[in-house]
Amino acid sequence: MEQIRIKTPQNVAISYDLAAWYQRMIAFLLDVIFLFILSLILVVAVSDTDSDLYSVYFLVFTYSLINEVATQGSSLGKLILGLKVIRLDGTKVNFSDLAIRWMFRCIDIWLSVFSVAIISNNLTENRQRLGDVLAGTTVVSTKYDDKKLSLTKIKSKNSLEKYEQKYDLIKSFSEEEMVLVKNCLYRKRKYNNKAHLDVFNEMVLKVAKRLELRDTPKDKELFVRSVIRDYVLANR
């Protein structure tokens, strides 16, 4: 699967698997099924007045936008397939990004019957449909997250009970930054190639500098695990 490397505002590089066009199509079709079921329920539930029916029409028309805004870049279909919309500059997707993608769905999907979306997806470097190109976004797979322990789960581990904190400046990290550190370690272990090793080594240097360490630890994996334990311990 093709990958994309994103540098976050915290200057941490992280790689994602790009979603293939067929994954995005399946997610879209799942959303259509959910929308069809929801529409039937609403039509049966509301009265026959024009105002009520207009409300149903409005919900159907804006379903995908509301869905992605509520889930910060996903939809019910994307959530099932482990897909998510991200910005290419590493910042969080916002309403305007999702609105641009939503407005161009009529060209990418409805009017062209997926042809514009598929052609654009195959021609662009980051697997973007037209709406993604204009919004500066793309869709990635986040399924690997299911295989990792979340920070919340780590907090419950009994192994931390006798662990002593090593780094005083660990509280300067946010939970988002620490999740990125943990993900970087996970990907380095999973893919075990030069690209991910370079990203991991770069991340270790930045973390060590942030902690004001004079020398970079020789055992980098052990160092990262210690940093994660320190953060969890400091925030229990």
C-alpha atoms as a PDB file:
ATOM      1  CA  MET A   1       0.000   0.000   0.000  1.00  0.00           C
ATOM      2  CA  GLU A   2       1.262   3.503  -0.886  1.00  0.00           C
ATOM      3  CA  GLN A   3       2.225   5.790   1.950  1.00  0.00           C
ATOM      4  CA  ILE A   4       2.375   9.484   2.679  1.00  0.00           C
ATOM      5  CA  ARG A   5       4.686  11.194   5.138  1.00  0.00           C
ATOM      6  CA  ILE A   6       3.173  14.111   7.051  1.00  0.00           C
ATOM      7  CA  LYS A   7       5.061  16.531   9.293  1.00  0.00           C
ATOM      8  CA  THR A   8       2.884  17.764  12.149  1.00  0.00           C
ATOM      9  CA  PRO A   9       2.946  21.306  13.607  1.00  0.00           C
ATOM     10  CA  GLN A  10       5.008  19.775  16.451  1.00  0.00           C
ATOM     11  CA  ASN A  11       7.641  19.013  13.780  1.00  0.00           C
ATOM     12  CA  VAL A  12       7.189  15.263  14.146  1.00  0.00           C
ATOM     13  CA  ALA A  13       7.063  13.246  10.911  1.00  0.00           C
ATOM     14  CA  ILE A  14       4.595  10.378  10.720  1.00  0.00           C
ATOM     15  CA  SER A  15       3.706   8.044   7.842  1.00  0.00           C
ATOM     16  CA  TYR A  16       0.200   6.928   6.875  1.00  0.00           C
ATOM     17  CA  ASP A  17      -1.092   4.329   4.443  1.00  0.00           C
ATOM     18  CA  LEU A  18      -2.999   6.086   1.656  1.00  0.00           C
ATOM     19  CA  ALA A  19      -6.526   4.803   1.082  1.00  0.00           C
ATOM     20  CA  ALA A  20      -7.041   3.124  -2.289  1.00  0.00           C
ATOM     21  CA  TRP A  21      -9.862   4.359  -4.547  1.00  0.00           C
ATOM     22  CA  TYR A  22     -11.867   1.155  -4.040  1.00  0.00           C
ATOM     23  CA  GLN A  23     -11.696   1.541  -0.241  1.00  0.00           C
ATOM     24  CA  ARG A  24     -13.081   5.035  -0.556  1.00  0.00           C
ATOM     25  CA  MET A  25     -15.800   3.828  -2.898  1.00  0.00           C
ATOM     26  CA  ILE A  26     -16.852   1.086  -0.480  1.00  0.00           C
ATOM     27  CA  ALA A  27     -16.963   3.620   2.369  1.00  0.00           C
ATOM     28  CA  PHE A  28     -19.123   5.888   0.198  1.00  0.00           C
ATOM     29  CA  LEU A  29     -21.525   3.064  -0.650  1.00  0.00           C
ATOM     30  CA  LEU A  30     -21.835   2.170   3.036  1.00  0.00           C
ATOM     31  CA  ASP A  31     -22.711   5.791   3.771  1.00  0.00           C
ATOM     32  CA  VAL A  32     -25.342   5.703   1.024  1.00  0.00           C
ATOM     33  CA  ILE A  33     -26.899   2.619   2.637  1.00  0.00           C
ATOM     34  CA  PHE A  34     -26.938   4.292   6.071  1.00  0.00           C
ATOM     35  CA  LEU A  35     -28.440   7.435   4.544  1.00  0.00           C
ATOM     36  CA  PHE A  36     -31.138   5.443   2.750  1.00  0.00           C
ATOM     37  CA  ILE A  37     -32.142   3.687   5.977  1.00  0.00           C
ATOM     38  CA  LEU A  38     -32.100   6.958   7.921  1.00  0.00           C
ATOM     39  CA  SER A  39     -34.232   8.655   5.250  1.00  0.00           C
ATOM     40  CA  LEU A  40     -36.855   5.911   5.380  1.00  0.00           C
ATOM     41  CA  ILE A  41     -37.056   6.172   9.163  1.00  0.00           C
ATOM     42  CA  LEU A  42     -37.410   9.962   9.054  1.00  0.00           C
ATOM     43  CA  VAL A  43     -40.013   9.945   6.289  1.00  0.00           C
ATOM     44  CA  VAL A  44     -42.125   7.516   8.309  1.00  0.00           C
ATOM     45  CA  ALA A  45     -41.581   9.401  11.555  1.00  0.00           C
ATOM     46  CA  VAL A  46     -42.290  12.977  10.452  1.00  0.00           C
ATOM     47  CA  SER A  47     -45.642  14.378   9.447  1.00  0.00           C
ATOM     48  CA  ASP A  48     -46.615  15.192   5.875  1.00  0.00           C
ATOM     49  CA  THR A  49     -46.153  18.940   6.276  1.00  0.00           C
ATOM     50  CA  ASP A  50     -43.799  20.641   3.856  1.00  0.00           C
ATOM     51  CA  SER A  51     -41.570  21.976   6.644  1.00  0.00           C
ATOM     52  CA  ASP A  52     -40.947  18.497   8.023  1.00  0.00           C
ATOM     53  CA  LEU A  53     -40.192  17.076   4.590  1.00  0.00           C
ATOM     54  CA  TYR A  54     -37.826  19.958   3.838  1.00  0.00           C
ATOM     55  CA  SER A  55     -35.969  19.081   7.027  1.00  0.00           C
ATOM     56  CA  VAL A  56     -35.543  15.524   5.769  1.00  0.00           C
ATOM     57  CA  TYR A  57     -34.328  16.790   2.389  1.00  0.00           C
ATOM     58  CA  PHE A  58     -31.838  19.101   4.091  1.00  0.00           C
ATOM     59  CA  LEU A  59     -30.478  16.277   6.244  1.00  0.00           C
ATOM     60  CA  VAL A  60     -30.095  14.012   3.206  1.00  0.00           C
ATOM     61  CA  PHE A  61     -28.361  16.776   1.261  1.00  0.00           C
ATOM     62  CA  THR A  62     -25.878  17.638   4.034  1.00  0.00           C
ATOM     63  CA  TYR A  63     -25.461  14.132   5.508  1.00  0.00           C
ATOM     64  CA  SER A  64     -21.858  13.600   4.410  1.00  0.00           C
ATOM     65  CA  LEU A  65     -20.726  17.057   5.562  1.00  0.00           C
ATOM     66  CA  ILE A  66     -22.408  16.736   8.976  1.00  0.00           C
ATOM     67  CA  ASN A  67     -20.968  13.234   9.340  1.00  0.00           C
ATOM     68  CA  GLU A  68     -17.376  14.262   8.626  1.00  0.00           C
ATOM     69  CA  VAL A  69     -17.550  17.435  10.727  1.00  0.00           C
ATOM     70  CA  ALA A  70     -18.936  15.472  13.704  1.00  0.00           C
ATOM     71  CA  THR A  71     -16.199  12.826  13.468  1.00  0.00           C
ATOM     72  CA  GLN A  72     -13.371  15.215  12.487  1.00  0.00           C
ATOM     73  CA  GLY A  73     -12.715  13.703   9.099  1.00  0.00           C
ATOM     74  CA  SER A  74     -14.473  10.362   9.094  1.00  0.00           C
ATOM     75  CA  SER A  75     -17.984   9.132   8.333  1.00  0.00           C
ATOM     76  CA  LEU A  76     -19.805   5.968   9.318  1.00  0.00           C
ATOM     77  CA  GLY A  77     -18.508   4.235   6.192  1.00  0.00           C
ATOM     78  CA  LYS A  78     -14.964   5.490   6.719  1.00  0.00           C
ATOM     79  CA  LEU A  79     -15.025   4.488  10.381  1.00  0.00           C
ATOM     80  CA  ILE A  80     -15.962   0.915   9.465  1.00  0.00           C
ATOM     81  CA  LEU A  81     -13.074   0.694   6.990  1.00  0.00           C
ATOM     82  CA  GLY A  82     -10.636   2.556   9.245  1.00  0.00           C
ATOM     83  CA  LEU A  83     -10.305   5.593   6.949  1.00  0.00           C
ATOM     84  CA  LYS A  84      -9.934   9.253   7.819  1.00  0.00           C
ATOM     85  CA  VAL A  85      -9.490  12.617   6.091  1.00  0.00           C
ATOM     86  CA  ILE A  86      -6.249  14.425   6.990  1.00  0.00           C
ATOM     87  CA  ARG A  87      -4.589  17.646   5.859  1.00  0.00           C
ATOM     88  CA  LEU A  88      -1.338  17.424   3.913  1.00  0.00           C
ATOM     89  CA  ASP A  89       0.283  20.109   6.093  1.00  0.00           C
ATOM     90  CA  GLY A  90      -0.242  18.049   9.259  1.00  0.00           C
ATOM     91  CA  THR A  91      -2.758  20.396  10.884  1.00  0.00           C
ATOM     92  CA  LYS A  92      -6.230  19.259  11.888  1.00  0.00           C
ATOM     93  CA  VAL A  93      -8.963  19.270   9.289  1.00  0.00           C
ATOM     94  CA  ASN A  94     -11.415  22.104   9.807  1.00  0.00           C
ATOM     95  CA  PHE A  95     -14.917  22.934   8.631  1.00  0.00           C
ATOM     96  CA  SER A  96     -13.789  24.788   5.496  1.00  0.00           C
ATOM     97  CA  ASP A  97     -11.663  21.806   4.376  1.00  0.00           C
ATOM     98  CA  LEU A  98     -14.573  19.410   4.760  1.00  0.00           C
ATOM     99  CA  ALA A  99     -17.003  21.870   3.164  1.00  0.00           C
ATOM    100  CA  ILE A 100     -14.811  22.159   0.039  1.00  0.00           C
ATOM    101  CA  ARG A 101     -14.613  18.370  -0.239  1.00  0.00           C
ATOM    102  CA  TRP A 102     -18.379  18.135   0.214  1.00  0.00           C
ATOM    103  CA  MET A 103     -19.157  20.786  -2.442  1.00  0.00           C
ATOM    104  CA  PHE A 104     -17.068  18.981  -5.064  1.00  0.00           C
ATOM    105  CA  ARG A 105     -18.674  15.593  -4.429  1.00  0.00           C
ATOM    106  CA  CYS A 106     -21.239  16.420  -7.107  1.00  0.00           C
ATOM    107  CA  ILE A 107     -18.440  16.583  -9.695  1.00  0.00           C
ATOM    108  CA  ASP A 108     -16.193  13.880  -8.265  1.00  0.00           C
ATOM    109  CA  ILE A 109     -18.916  11.336  -7.612  1.00  0.00           C
ATOM    110  CA  TRP A 110     -22.525  12.126  -8.488  1.00  0.00           C
ATOM    111  CA  LEU A 111     -22.385  13.751 -11.939  1.00  0.00           C
ATOM    112  CA  SER A 112     -19.427  11.707 -13.181  1.00  0.00           C
ATOM    113  CA  VAL A 113     -20.471   8.428 -11.509  1.00  0.00           C
ATOM    114  CA  PHE A 114     -17.108   8.184  -9.714  1.00  0.00           C
ATOM    115  CA  SER A 115     -15.068   8.636 -12.925  1.00  0.00           C
ATOM    116  CA  VAL A 116     -13.576  12.037 -12.011  1.00  0.00           C
ATOM    117  CA  ALA A 117     -12.745  10.814  -8.496  1.00  0.00           C
ATOM    118  CA  ILE A 118     -11.082   7.625  -9.770  1.00  0.00           C
ATOM    119  CA  ILE A 119      -9.076   9.427 -12.475  1.00  0.00           C
ATOM    120  CA  SER A 120      -7.940  12.140 -10.052  1.00  0.00           C
ATOM    121  CA  ASN A 121      -7.111   9.531  -7.406  1.00  0.00           C
ATOM    122  CA  ASN A 122      -4.902   7.623  -9.831  1.00  0.00           C
ATOM    123  CA  LEU A 123      -3.169  10.692 -11.298  1.00  0.00           C
ATOM    124  CA  THR A 124      -2.326  12.585  -8.109  1.00  0.00           C
ATOM    125  CA  GLU A 125       0.690  11.709  -5.984  1.00  0.00           C
ATOM    126  CA  ASN A 126      -1.266  11.610  -2.727  1.00  0.00           C
ATOM    127  CA  ARG A 127      -4.336   9.752  -4.047  1.00  0.00           C
ATOM    128  CA  GLN A 128      -6.618  12.795  -3.973  1.00  0.00           C
ATOM    129  CA  ARG A 129      -9.941  13.362  -5.650  1.00  0.00           C
ATOM    130  CA  LEU A 130     -10.639  16.850  -7.011  1.00  0.00           C
ATOM    131  CA  GLY A 131     -12.196  18.019  -3.742  1.00  0.00           C
ATOM    132  CA  ASP A 132      -9.113  16.836  -1.836  1.00  0.00           C
ATOM    133  CA  VAL A 133      -6.754  18.705  -4.174  1.00  0.00           C
ATOM    134  CA  LEU A 134      -8.615  21.977  -3.621  1.00  0.00           C
ATOM    135  CA  ALA A 135      -8.926  21.433   0.152  1.00  0.00           C
ATOM    136  CA  GLY A 136      -5.332  20.267   0.649  1.00  0.00           C
ATOM    137  CA  THR A 137      -6.474  16.946   2.088  1.00  0.00           C
ATOM    138  CA  THR A 138      -6.331  13.230   1.409  1.00  0.00           C
ATOM    139  CA  VAL A 139      -7.786  10.050   2.898  1.00  0.00           C
ATOM    140  CA  VAL A 140      -5.602   7.620   4.834  1.00  0.00           C
ATOM    141  CA  SER A 141      -6.004   4.299   6.589  1.00  0.00           C
ATOM    142  CA  THR A 142      -5.813   4.337  10.375  1.00  0.00           C
ATOM    143  CA  LYS A 143      -6.522   0.647  10.953  1.00  0.00           C
ATOM    144  CA  TYR A 144      -3.099   0.090  12.466  1.00  0.00           C
ATOM    145  CA  ASP A 145      -4.273   2.100  15.482  1.00  0.00           C
ATOM    146  CA  ASP A 146      -6.463  -0.844  16.529  1.00  0.00           C
ATOM    147  CA  LYS A 147      -3.381  -2.994  17.086  1.00  0.00           C
ATOM    148  CA  LYS A 148      -1.695  -0.608  19.481  1.00  0.00           C
ATOM    149  CA  LEU A 149      -2.322   0.135  23.109  1.00  0.00           C
ATOM    150  CA  SER A 150      -3.856   3.528  23.656  1.00  0.00           C
ATOM    151  CA  LEU A 151      -2.417   5.789  26.337  1.00  0.00           C
ATOM    152  CA  THR A 152      -5.601   5.267  28.345  1.00  0.00           C
ATOM    153  CA  LYS A 153      -5.016   1.501  28.389  1.00  0.00           C
ATOM    154  CA  ILE A 154      -1.364   1.940  29.287  1.00  0.00           C
ATOM    155  CA  LYS A 155      -2.397   3.964  32.321  1.00  0.00           C
ATOM    156  CA  SER A 156      -4.063   0.896  33.803  1.00  0.00           C
ATOM    157  CA  LYS A 157      -0.984  -1.301  33.562  1.00  0.00           C
ATOM    158  CA  ASN A 158       0.253  -2.617  36.912  1.00  0.00           C
ATOM    159  CA  SER A 159       3.856  -2.416  35.666  1.00  0.00           C
ATOM    160  CA  LEU A 160       3.813   1.335  36.299  1.00  0.00           C
ATOM    161  CA  GLU A 161       3.213   0.965  40.018  1.00  0.00           C
ATOM    162  CA  LYS A 162       6.923   0.514  40.808  1.00  0.00           C
ATOM    163  CA  TYR A 163       8.190   2.667  37.938  1.00  0.00           C
ATOM    164  CA  GLU A 164      10.062   5.871  38.846  1.00  0.00           C
ATOM    165  CA  GLN A 165       9.872   8.926  36.628  1.00  0.00           C
ATOM    166  CA  LYS A 166      13.145   9.778  34.829  1.00  0.00           C
ATOM    167  CA  TYR A 167      12.499  12.988  32.912  1.00  0.00           C
ATOM    168  CA  ASP A 168      11.329  16.155  34.674  1.00  0.00           C
ATOM    169  CA  LEU A 169      10.290  17.953  31.474  1.00  0.00           C
ATOM    170  CA  ILE A 170       7.964  15.179  30.350  1.00  0.00           C
ATOM    171  CA  LYS A 171       4.915  17.257  31.333  1.00  0.00           C
ATOM    172  CA  SER A 172       5.712  19.700  28.527  1.00  0.00           C
ATOM    173  CA  PHE A 173       4.405  17.120  26.034  1.00  0.00           C
ATOM    174  CA  SER A 174       0.751  17.019  25.083  1.00  0.00           C
ATOM    175  CA  GLU A 175      -1.153  13.741  24.766  1.00  0.00           C
ATOM    176  CA  GLU A 176      -1.368  14.281  20.997  1.00  0.00           C
ATOM    177  CA  GLU A 177       2.417  14.572  20.790  1.00  0.00           C
ATOM    178  CA  MET A 178       2.905  11.454  22.884  1.00  0.00           C
ATOM    179  CA  VAL A 179       0.512   9.480  20.695  1.00  0.00           C
ATOM    180  CA  LEU A 180       2.621  10.524  17.705  1.00  0.00           C
ATOM    181  CA  VAL A 181       5.761   9.315  19.497  1.00  0.00           C
ATOM    182  CA  LYS A 182       4.106   5.991  20.259  1.00  0.00           C
ATOM    183  CA  ASN A 183       2.837   5.630  16.689  1.00  0.00           C
ATOM    184  CA  CYS A 184       6.297   6.349  15.324  1.00  0.00           C
ATOM    185  CA  LEU A 185       7.768   3.563  17.461  1.00  0.00           C
ATOM    186  CA  TYR A 186       5.013   1.193  16.362  1.00  0.00           C
ATOM    187  CA  ARG A 187       5.548   1.907  12.672  1.00  0.00           C
ATOM    188  CA  LYS A 188       9.300   1.540  12.954  1.00  0.00           C
ATOM    189  CA  ARG A 189       8.797  -1.943  14.413  1.00  0.00           C
ATOM    190  CA  LYS A 190       6.072  -2.892  11.943  1.00  0.00           C
ATOM    191  CA  TYR A 191       7.681  -1.835   8.652  1.00  0.00           C
ATOM    192  CA  ASN A 192      11.371  -2.115   9.578  1.00  0.00           C
ATOM    193  CA  ASN A 193      12.709  -0.187   6.572  1.00  0.00           C
ATOM    194  CA  LYS A 194      15.097   2.726   6.114  1.00  0.00           C
ATOM    195  CA  ALA A 195      12.375   5.341   5.642  1.00  0.00           C
ATOM    196  CA  HIS A 196      10.656   4.518   8.936  1.00  0.00           C
ATOM    197  CA  LEU A 197      13.993   4.130  10.720  1.00  0.00           C
ATOM    198  CA  ASP A 198      15.013   7.630   9.570  1.00  0.00           C
ATOM    199  CA  VAL A 199      11.710   9.057  10.804  1.00  0.00           C
ATOM    200  CA  PHE A 200      12.115   7.251  14.124  1.00  0.00           C
ATOM    201  CA  ASN A 201      15.695   8.499  14.605  1.00  0.00           C
ATOM    202  CA  GLU A 202      14.620  12.054  13.766  1.00  0.00           C
ATOM    203  CA  MET A 203      11.799  11.804  16.291  1.00  0.00           C
ATOM    204  CA  VAL A 204      14.171  10.527  19.003  1.00  0.00           C
ATOM    205  CA  LEU A 205      16.520  13.475  18.436  1.00  0.00           C
ATOM    206  CA  LYS A 206      13.653  15.959  18.769  1.00  0.00           C
ATOM    207  CA  VAL A 207      12.313  14.297  21.928  1.00  0.00           C
ATOM    208  CA  ALA A 208      15.780  14.213  23.503  1.00  0.00           C
ATOM    209  CA  LYS A 209      16.274  17.894  22.679  1.00  0.00           C
ATOM    210  CA  ARG A 210      12.859  18.724  24.125  1.00  0.00           C
ATOM    211  CA  LEU A 211      13.860  16.947  27.353  1.00  0.00           C
ATOM    212  CA  GLU A 212      17.146  18.895  27.344  1.00  0.00           C
ATOM    213  CA  LEU A 213      19.303  15.766  27.341  1.00  0.00           C
ATOM    214  CA  ARG A 214      22.994  16.301  26.632  1.00  0.00           C
ATOM    215  CA  ASP A 215      23.420  13.050  24.712  1.00  0.00           C
ATOM    216  CA  THR A 216      20.993  10.997  22.663  1.00  0.00           C
ATOM    217  CA  PRO A 217      20.449   7.601  24.369  1.00  0.00           C
ATOM    218  CA  LYS A 218      22.114   4.691  22.572  1.00  0.00           C
ATOM    219  CA  ASP A 219      19.169   2.344  22.981  1.00  0.00           C
ATOM    220  CA  LYS A 220      16.569   4.496  21.261  1.00  0.00           C
ATOM    221  CA  GLU A 221      13.646   2.092  21.575  1.00  0.00           C
ATOM    222  CA  LEU A 222      14.226   1.734  25.309  1.00  0.00           C
ATOM    223  CA  PHE A 223      14.446   5.519  25.540  1.00  0.00           C
ATOM    224  CA  VAL A 224      11.112   5.997  23.763  1.00  0.00           C
ATOM    225  CA  ARG A 225       9.405   3.388  25.931  1.00  0.00           C
ATOM    226  CA  SER A 226      10.742   5.165  29.017  1.00  0.00           C
ATOM    227  CA  VAL A 227       9.471   8.504  27.724  1.00  0.00           C
ATOM    228  CA  ILE A 228       5.990   7.055  27.191  1.00  0.00           C
ATOM    229  CA  ARG A 229       5.980   5.489  30.671  1.00  0.00           C
ATOM    230  CA  ASP A 230       7.115   8.808  32.169  1.00  0.00           C
ATOM    231  CA  TYR A 231       4.334  10.675  30.436  1.00  0.00           C
ATOM    232  CA  VAL A 232       1.690   8.185  31.538  1.00  0.00           C
ATOM    233  CA  LEU A 233       2.979   8.203  35.108  1.00  0.00           C
ATOM    234  CA  ALA A 234       3.031  12.007  35.202  1.00  0.00           C
ATOM    235  CA  ASN A 235      -0.556  12.209  33.972  1.00  0.00           C
ATOM    236  CA  ARG A 236      -2.230   9.375  35.933  1.00  0.00           C
END
